[in-house]
Amino acid sequence: MTCEHVTLPGGATAIVCSSHRQQRCRCGRSATLLCDWKTPSKSGTCDAAICTACAVSPTPDKDLCPKHAAAYREWKAARRRGALSS
């Protein structure tokens, strides 16, 4: 069982316990983020569990897993090449 201390609005605290195991990033660290790359999945995003060290944030509140960070870099490079050839 995983338990964590949470600070509530107004300064009160609570202990929240869950039977779910803590998700882990592929690097082994605790995953606190999910990949936001758009996919045709049920949720609409990749949702790979990632830690803050492995995540790439191309914009505020958007986090990408290493696989999709590489895809994003390729997409940006292709757009730059397209803009230069116009």
Protein backbone atom coordinates (compact mmCIF):
# COMPACT_ATOMS: atom_id res chain seq x y z
CA MET A 1 0.00 0.00 0.00
CA THR A 2 1.29 3.44 -0.93
CA CYS A 3 0.58 6.36 1.40
CA GLU A 4 1.40 10.02 0.95
CA HIS A 5 1.00 13.19 3.01
CA VAL A 6 -1.12 15.81 1.25
CA THR A 7 -1.50 19.47 2.21
CA LEU A 8 -5.09 20.62 1.83
CA PRO A 9 -6.31 24.16 1.14
CA GLY A 10 -6.20 26.12 4.37
CA GLY A 11 -3.08 24.34 5.62
CA ALA A 12 -4.62 21.13 6.96
CA THR A 13 -2.90 17.87 6.09
CA ALA A 14 -4.15 14.39 5.30
CA ILE A 15 -2.66 10.99 4.67
CA VAL A 16 -3.95 9.41 1.49
CA CYS A 17 -3.35 5.69 0.98
CA SER A 18 -3.87 3.68 -2.16
CA SER A 19 -3.59 0.04 -3.05
CA HIS A 20 -2.13 1.03 -6.42
CA ARG A 21 1.59 0.61 -6.88
CA GLN A 22 3.62 3.73 -7.62
CA GLN A 23 4.20 3.98 -11.35
CA ARG A 24 7.81 3.92 -12.49
CA CYS A 25 9.51 5.59 -15.42
CA ARG A 26 11.55 3.37 -17.76
CA CYS A 27 14.69 4.72 -16.02
CA GLY A 28 13.43 3.30 -12.69
CA ARG A 29 12.57 6.60 -11.00
CA SER A 30 9.13 7.38 -9.62
CA ALA A 31 6.88 8.58 -12.46
CA THR A 32 4.91 11.71 -11.64
CA LEU A 33 3.94 12.64 -15.21
CA LEU A 34 2.21 11.08 -18.20
CA CYS A 35 3.15 11.65 -21.85
CA ASP A 36 0.81 14.12 -23.58
CA TRP A 37 1.61 13.12 -27.21
CA LYS A 38 -1.66 12.80 -29.12
CA THR A 39 -2.55 9.26 -30.20
CA PRO A 40 -5.70 7.49 -31.43
CA SER A 41 -6.02 5.74 -28.05
CA LYS A 42 -9.07 5.87 -25.80
CA SER A 43 -7.59 8.71 -23.71
CA GLY A 44 -6.28 10.53 -26.78
CA THR A 45 -2.70 10.68 -25.49
CA CYS A 46 0.25 8.30 -25.10
CA ASP A 47 0.04 8.32 -21.27
CA ALA A 48 3.44 6.64 -20.79
CA ALA A 49 4.56 7.09 -17.18
CA ILE A 50 7.61 9.41 -17.06
CA CYS A 51 9.71 11.07 -14.37
CA THR A 52 10.65 14.75 -14.41
CA ALA A 53 14.24 13.92 -15.43
CA CYS A 54 13.19 12.00 -18.56
CA ALA A 55 10.28 14.25 -19.57
CA VAL A 56 10.66 16.90 -22.27
CA SER A 57 8.29 19.86 -21.98
CA PRO A 58 7.92 21.61 -25.34
CA THR A 59 5.30 23.98 -23.88
CA PRO A 60 4.00 24.66 -20.36
CA ASP A 61 1.84 21.81 -19.05
CA LYS A 62 2.85 19.45 -21.90
CA ASP A 63 5.21 16.57 -21.17
CA LEU A 64 6.63 14.07 -23.64
CA CYS A 65 8.26 10.68 -23.11
CA PRO A 66 11.69 10.20 -24.74
CA LYS A 67 10.16 8.38 -27.75
CA HIS A 68 7.72 11.18 -28.48
CA ALA A 69 10.27 13.90 -27.68
CA ALA A 70 12.34 12.48 -30.57
CA ALA A 71 9.24 12.46 -32.80
CA TYR A 72 8.57 16.08 -31.83
CA ARG A 73 12.17 17.09 -32.74
CA GLU A 74 11.79 15.36 -36.13
CA TRP A 75 8.47 17.12 -36.73
CA LYS A 76 10.01 20.52 -35.89
CA ALA A 77 12.99 19.86 -38.20
CA ALA A 78 10.66 18.85 -41.05
CA ARG A 79 8.66 22.05 -40.57
CA ARG A 80 11.85 24.15 -40.65
CA ARG A 81 12.99 22.40 -43.85
CA GLY A 82 9.55 23.02 -45.39
CA ALA A 83 9.65 26.70 -44.44
CA LEU A 84 13.16 27.12 -45.89
CA SER A 85 12.27 25.52 -49.22
CA SER A 86 9.19 27.71 -49.77
